[in-house]
Every structure is written in structure tokens, then in C-alpha cells.
Amino acid sequence: MTGGDDPKRFIGLRLAFPRLHPYMEPMTSSPTTLERAFELARSGECAAVADIRARLKQERHDQVEAHLAGPSINRQLRALCEEARRSDAACRPGSGPI
């Protein structure tokens, strides 16, 4: 490791120059529009892609229609919604075999 690659040196620079470079800023914790769409689909909170779109708009995500416009993304989200519904139904008391 060269002197320029030393992590301790980077931390020292970061403390001395908090606005050193925009690419060195920490990542934000909020998910992107697509990440949140997949989270909602897997969670079972949304029964259909239309519900996901509405929820994303309610949460003020950017360009929801553009992000969810493709047939492939819609197919993936529909499949995850269906899987979450099946999983939820299987976990309910009295819904499985006795």
C-alpha cells in the first residue's frame, strides 16, 4: 500500500476538509425509486404494480412512471407481489394443511 492509499490518511484528510470532494460524501440511507419499488413488492404491502406506483408517488419518489414503464420491470414486480401474497397466505393460521 502506498502512502496515498493509507485509510488513516484518508480519515485525517476527511476530518481536516469535510467538503473534500463530492464523491467522498457518505451515501444517503434513502433507497432509490427502483429499490423502494422492489421493497414494496416483496413486503406484501402492495397487491399490484399500480399500488406500488401510488405508494412511491405518495412517498415523493422521482419519476415513478419513467422508472416503472418497462414490461420487464412490471413483470418482475408483479411476480414479487404474487409471491408475497402466497407467502402471506401460507403464514396465516388455519390456511395450511392440518
N, C-alpha and C. Protein backbone atom coordinates (compact mmCIF):
# COMPACT_ATOMS: atom_id res chain seq x y z
N MET A 1 0.85 -1.17 0.00
CA MET A 1 0.00 0.00 0.00
C MET A 1 0.90 1.24 0.00
N THR A 2 0.60 2.16 -0.89
CA THR A 2 1.39 3.39 -0.93
C THR A 2 0.85 4.37 0.08
N GLY A 3 1.61 5.42 0.33
CA GLY A 3 1.20 6.42 1.31
C GLY A 3 -0.13 7.08 0.96
N GLY A 4 -0.43 7.21 -0.34
CA GLY A 4 -1.68 7.83 -0.77
C GLY A 4 -2.88 6.94 -0.56
N ASP A 5 -2.67 5.63 -0.40
CA ASP A 5 -3.77 4.69 -0.22
C ASP A 5 -4.06 4.38 1.23
N ASP A 6 -3.33 4.98 2.14
CA ASP A 6 -3.47 4.68 3.56
C ASP A 6 -4.83 5.16 4.07
N PRO A 7 -5.69 4.24 4.58
CA PRO A 7 -7.01 4.64 5.08
C PRO A 7 -6.94 5.67 6.19
N LYS A 8 -5.90 5.57 7.05
CA LYS A 8 -5.76 6.53 8.14
C LYS A 8 -5.53 7.94 7.58
N ARG A 9 -4.79 8.02 6.50
CA ARG A 9 -4.53 9.31 5.87
C ARG A 9 -5.83 9.89 5.33
N PHE A 10 -6.64 9.03 4.72
CA PHE A 10 -7.92 9.50 4.18
C PHE A 10 -8.81 10.04 5.30
N ILE A 11 -8.88 9.34 6.42
CA ILE A 11 -9.70 9.79 7.54
C ILE A 11 -9.20 11.14 8.03
N GLY A 12 -7.89 11.30 8.12
CA GLY A 12 -7.33 12.57 8.54
C GLY A 12 -7.69 13.69 7.59
N LEU A 13 -7.60 13.43 6.29
CA LEU A 13 -7.99 14.43 5.29
C LEU A 13 -9.47 14.75 5.39
N ARG A 14 -10.27 13.72 5.61
CA ARG A 14 -11.72 13.90 5.69
C ARG A 14 -12.08 14.78 6.89
N LEU A 15 -11.37 14.60 8.01
CA LEU A 15 -11.63 15.43 9.18
C LEU A 15 -11.16 16.86 8.97
N ALA A 16 -10.03 17.01 8.29
CA ALA A 16 -9.48 18.34 8.06
C ALA A 16 -10.27 19.11 7.00
N PHE A 17 -10.77 18.38 6.00
CA PHE A 17 -11.50 19.00 4.90
C PHE A 17 -12.84 18.29 4.70
N PRO A 18 -13.85 18.64 5.49
CA PRO A 18 -15.12 17.91 5.43
C PRO A 18 -15.78 17.93 4.05
N ARG A 19 -15.52 18.92 3.24
CA ARG A 19 -16.10 19.00 1.90
C ARG A 19 -15.02 18.76 0.84
N LEU A 20 -14.20 17.75 1.08
CA LEU A 20 -13.06 17.47 0.23
C LEU A 20 -13.45 17.23 -1.22
N HIS A 21 -14.43 16.39 -1.46
CA HIS A 21 -14.83 16.04 -2.82
C HIS A 21 -16.25 15.49 -2.76
N PRO A 22 -17.11 15.86 -3.70
CA PRO A 22 -18.50 15.38 -3.62
C PRO A 22 -18.62 13.87 -3.69
N TYR A 23 -17.72 13.19 -4.38
CA TYR A 23 -17.80 11.74 -4.47
C TYR A 23 -17.41 11.05 -3.16
N MET A 24 -16.83 11.80 -2.25
CA MET A 24 -16.43 11.23 -0.97
C MET A 24 -17.50 11.42 0.10
N GLU A 25 -18.62 12.05 -0.27
CA GLU A 25 -19.71 12.23 0.68
C GLU A 25 -20.32 10.87 0.99
N PRO A 26 -20.82 10.68 2.20
CA PRO A 26 -21.43 9.39 2.54
C PRO A 26 -22.71 9.16 1.74
N MET A 27 -23.01 7.90 1.49
CA MET A 27 -24.23 7.54 0.76
C MET A 27 -25.43 7.90 1.63
N THR A 28 -26.51 8.30 0.97
CA THR A 28 -27.73 8.56 1.73
C THR A 28 -28.39 7.24 2.06
N SER A 29 -29.19 7.24 3.09
CA SER A 29 -29.80 5.99 3.52
C SER A 29 -31.14 5.73 2.82
N SER A 30 -31.67 6.72 2.11
CA SER A 30 -32.96 6.51 1.46
C SER A 30 -32.77 5.73 0.16
N PRO A 31 -33.64 4.74 -0.09
CA PRO A 31 -33.49 3.92 -1.29
C PRO A 31 -33.91 4.68 -2.55
N THR A 32 -33.41 4.23 -3.68
CA THR A 32 -33.82 4.81 -4.95
C THR A 32 -35.25 4.40 -5.24
N THR A 33 -35.82 4.98 -6.28
CA THR A 33 -37.19 4.65 -6.68
C THR A 33 -37.34 3.17 -6.96
N LEU A 34 -36.40 2.60 -7.72
CA LEU A 34 -36.48 1.18 -8.05
C LEU A 34 -36.26 0.30 -6.83
N GLU A 35 -35.31 0.66 -5.99
CA GLU A 35 -35.08 -0.14 -4.78
C GLU A 35 -36.33 -0.16 -3.91
N ARG A 36 -36.96 0.99 -3.76
CA ARG A 36 -38.17 1.05 -2.93
C ARG A 36 -39.31 0.27 -3.57
N ALA A 37 -39.42 0.31 -4.91
CA ALA A 37 -40.46 -0.46 -5.60
C ALA A 37 -40.29 -1.95 -5.30
N PHE A 38 -39.08 -2.45 -5.36
CA PHE A 38 -38.83 -3.86 -5.07
C PHE A 38 -39.09 -4.17 -3.59
N GLU A 39 -38.74 -3.25 -2.70
CA GLU A 39 -39.04 -3.45 -1.27
C GLU A 39 -40.54 -3.59 -1.05
N LEU A 40 -41.31 -2.70 -1.68
CA LEU A 40 -42.77 -2.74 -1.52
C LEU A 40 -43.35 -4.02 -2.09
N ALA A 41 -42.85 -4.44 -3.24
CA ALA A 41 -43.35 -5.67 -3.87
C ALA A 41 -43.08 -6.88 -2.98
N ARG A 42 -41.88 -6.96 -2.42
CA ARG A 42 -41.52 -8.10 -1.57
C ARG A 42 -42.25 -8.08 -0.23
N SER A 43 -42.59 -6.89 0.23
CA SER A 43 -43.18 -6.77 1.57
C SER A 43 -44.62 -7.27 1.64
N GLY A 44 -45.31 -7.29 0.51
CA GLY A 44 -46.71 -7.67 0.52
C GLY A 44 -47.63 -6.51 0.84
N GLU A 45 -47.07 -5.32 1.06
CA GLU A 45 -47.88 -4.14 1.36
C GLU A 45 -48.69 -3.68 0.15
N CYS A 46 -48.21 -4.00 -1.05
CA CYS A 46 -48.87 -3.58 -2.28
C CYS A 46 -49.29 -4.82 -3.06
N ALA A 47 -50.56 -4.87 -3.44
CA ALA A 47 -51.09 -6.04 -4.13
C ALA A 47 -50.78 -6.03 -5.63
N ALA A 48 -50.51 -4.86 -6.19
CA ALA A 48 -50.28 -4.76 -7.63
C ALA A 48 -49.30 -3.63 -7.93
N VAL A 49 -48.82 -3.60 -9.16
CA VAL A 49 -47.86 -2.57 -9.57
C VAL A 49 -48.49 -1.18 -9.45
N ALA A 50 -49.79 -1.08 -9.74
CA ALA A 50 -50.47 0.21 -9.60
C ALA A 50 -50.40 0.70 -8.15
N ASP A 51 -50.50 -0.21 -7.20
CA ASP A 51 -50.39 0.15 -5.78
C ASP A 51 -48.97 0.63 -5.46
N ILE A 52 -48.00 -0.02 -6.06
CA ILE A 52 -46.60 0.38 -5.85
C ILE A 52 -46.39 1.78 -6.39
N ARG A 53 -46.89 2.04 -7.61
CA ARG A 53 -46.76 3.39 -8.20
C ARG A 53 -47.37 4.45 -7.28
N ALA A 54 -48.58 4.18 -6.81
CA ALA A 54 -49.27 5.14 -5.95
C ALA A 54 -48.48 5.39 -4.67
N ARG A 55 -47.96 4.34 -4.09
CA ARG A 55 -47.20 4.47 -2.84
C ARG A 55 -45.91 5.26 -3.06
N LEU A 56 -45.21 4.99 -4.18
CA LEU A 56 -43.98 5.71 -4.48
C LEU A 56 -44.25 7.21 -4.69
N LYS A 57 -45.34 7.51 -5.36
CA LYS A 57 -45.70 8.93 -5.56
C LYS A 57 -46.06 9.57 -4.22
N GLN A 58 -46.76 8.84 -3.37
CA GLN A 58 -47.11 9.34 -2.05
C GLN A 58 -45.84 9.62 -1.23
N GLU A 59 -44.82 8.76 -1.41
CA GLU A 59 -43.55 8.94 -0.70
C GLU A 59 -42.64 9.95 -1.39
N ARG A 60 -43.13 10.55 -2.47
CA ARG A 60 -42.43 11.60 -3.22
C ARG A 60 -41.14 11.13 -3.89
N HIS A 61 -41.18 9.94 -4.45
CA HIS A 61 -40.04 9.47 -5.25
C HIS A 61 -40.08 10.13 -6.62
N ASP A 62 -38.92 10.29 -7.23
CA ASP A 62 -38.80 10.96 -8.52
C ASP A 62 -39.13 10.04 -9.68
N GLN A 63 -39.78 10.59 -10.68
CA GLN A 63 -40.02 9.95 -11.98
C GLN A 63 -40.52 8.51 -11.86
N VAL A 64 -41.54 8.31 -11.06
CA VAL A 64 -42.08 6.98 -10.81
C VAL A 64 -42.51 6.32 -12.12
N GLU A 65 -43.27 7.02 -12.94
CA GLU A 65 -43.78 6.44 -14.19
C GLU A 65 -42.63 6.02 -15.11
N ALA A 66 -41.60 6.84 -15.20
CA ALA A 66 -40.46 6.52 -16.05
C ALA A 66 -39.71 5.30 -15.55
N HIS A 67 -39.54 5.21 -14.24
CA HIS A 67 -38.81 4.08 -13.67
C HIS A 67 -39.57 2.76 -13.80
N LEU A 68 -40.88 2.83 -13.77
CA LEU A 68 -41.69 1.60 -13.80
C LEU A 68 -42.40 1.42 -15.14
N ALA A 69 -41.86 1.99 -16.21
CA ALA A 69 -42.53 1.96 -17.51
C ALA A 69 -42.30 0.66 -18.29
N GLY A 70 -41.19 0.00 -18.10
CA GLY A 70 -40.85 -1.15 -18.93
C GLY A 70 -41.61 -2.41 -18.60
N PRO A 71 -41.84 -3.26 -19.61
CA PRO A 71 -42.55 -4.51 -19.38
C PRO A 71 -41.78 -5.46 -18.46
N SER A 72 -40.47 -5.44 -18.55
CA SER A 72 -39.65 -6.35 -17.73
C SER A 72 -39.77 -6.00 -16.25
N ILE A 73 -39.66 -4.72 -15.93
CA ILE A 73 -39.76 -4.31 -14.52
C ILE A 73 -41.15 -4.61 -13.97
N ASN A 74 -42.17 -4.38 -14.80
CA ASN A 74 -43.54 -4.68 -14.38
C ASN A 74 -43.74 -6.16 -14.13
N ARG A 75 -43.16 -6.99 -15.00
CA ARG A 75 -43.26 -8.45 -14.83
C ARG A 75 -42.60 -8.88 -13.53
N GLN A 76 -41.42 -8.33 -13.24
CA GLN A 76 -40.69 -8.68 -12.02
C GLN A 76 -41.46 -8.25 -10.78
N LEU A 77 -41.99 -7.04 -10.81
CA LEU A 77 -42.73 -6.54 -9.64
C LEU A 77 -44.02 -7.32 -9.42
N ARG A 78 -44.73 -7.66 -10.51
CA ARG A 78 -45.95 -8.46 -10.39
C ARG A 78 -45.64 -9.82 -9.76
N ALA A 79 -44.56 -10.44 -10.23
CA ALA A 79 -44.18 -11.75 -9.70
C ALA A 79 -43.85 -11.66 -8.21
N LEU A 80 -43.16 -10.61 -7.79
CA LEU A 80 -42.83 -10.45 -6.38
C LEU A 80 -44.07 -10.18 -5.53
N CYS A 81 -45.00 -9.39 -6.07
CA CYS A 81 -46.26 -9.14 -5.35
C CYS A 81 -47.03 -10.44 -5.16
N GLU A 82 -47.11 -11.25 -6.21
CA GLU A 82 -47.83 -12.53 -6.13
C GLU A 82 -47.15 -13.47 -5.14
N GLU A 83 -45.83 -13.51 -5.19
CA GLU A 83 -45.08 -14.36 -4.26
C GLU A 83 -45.30 -13.92 -2.81
N ALA A 84 -45.31 -12.61 -2.58
CA ALA A 84 -45.53 -12.10 -1.22
C ALA A 84 -46.94 -12.44 -0.75
N ARG A 85 -47.92 -12.36 -1.64
CA ARG A 85 -49.30 -12.73 -1.27
C ARG A 85 -49.40 -14.21 -0.92
N ARG A 86 -48.76 -15.06 -1.75
CA ARG A 86 -48.78 -16.51 -1.46
C ARG A 86 -48.10 -16.80 -0.14
N SER A 87 -46.98 -16.17 0.10
CA SER A 87 -46.23 -16.37 1.34
C SER A 87 -47.05 -15.91 2.54
N ASP A 88 -47.71 -14.77 2.39
CA ASP A 88 -48.54 -14.23 3.47
C ASP A 88 -49.72 -15.16 3.76
N ALA A 89 -50.33 -15.70 2.72
CA ALA A 89 -51.46 -16.61 2.90
C ALA A 89 -51.01 -17.90 3.58
N ALA A 90 -49.83 -18.37 3.24
CA ALA A 90 -49.31 -19.61 3.83
C ALA A 90 -48.96 -19.42 5.31
N CYS A 91 -48.67 -18.20 5.71
CA CYS A 91 -48.29 -17.94 7.10
C CYS A 91 -49.47 -17.68 8.01
N ARG A 92 -50.66 -17.47 7.44
CA ARG A 92 -51.84 -17.21 8.26
C ARG A 92 -52.30 -18.48 8.97
N PRO A 93 -52.73 -18.35 10.22
CA PRO A 93 -53.24 -19.51 10.94
C PRO A 93 -54.48 -20.07 10.23
N GLY A 94 -54.53 -21.39 10.13
CA GLY A 94 -55.68 -22.03 9.52
C GLY A 94 -55.63 -22.10 8.02
N SER A 95 -54.58 -21.57 7.38
CA SER A 95 -54.53 -21.58 5.93
C SER A 95 -53.74 -22.76 5.39
N GLY A 96 -52.98 -23.42 6.23
CA GLY A 96 -52.15 -24.55 5.78
C GLY A 96 -52.80 -25.87 6.08
N PRO A 97 -52.18 -26.97 5.63
CA PRO A 97 -52.74 -28.29 5.92
C PRO A 97 -52.61 -28.62 7.41
N ILE A 98 -53.53 -29.42 7.87
CA ILE A 98 -53.55 -29.77 9.31
C ILE A 98 -52.96 -31.14 9.50
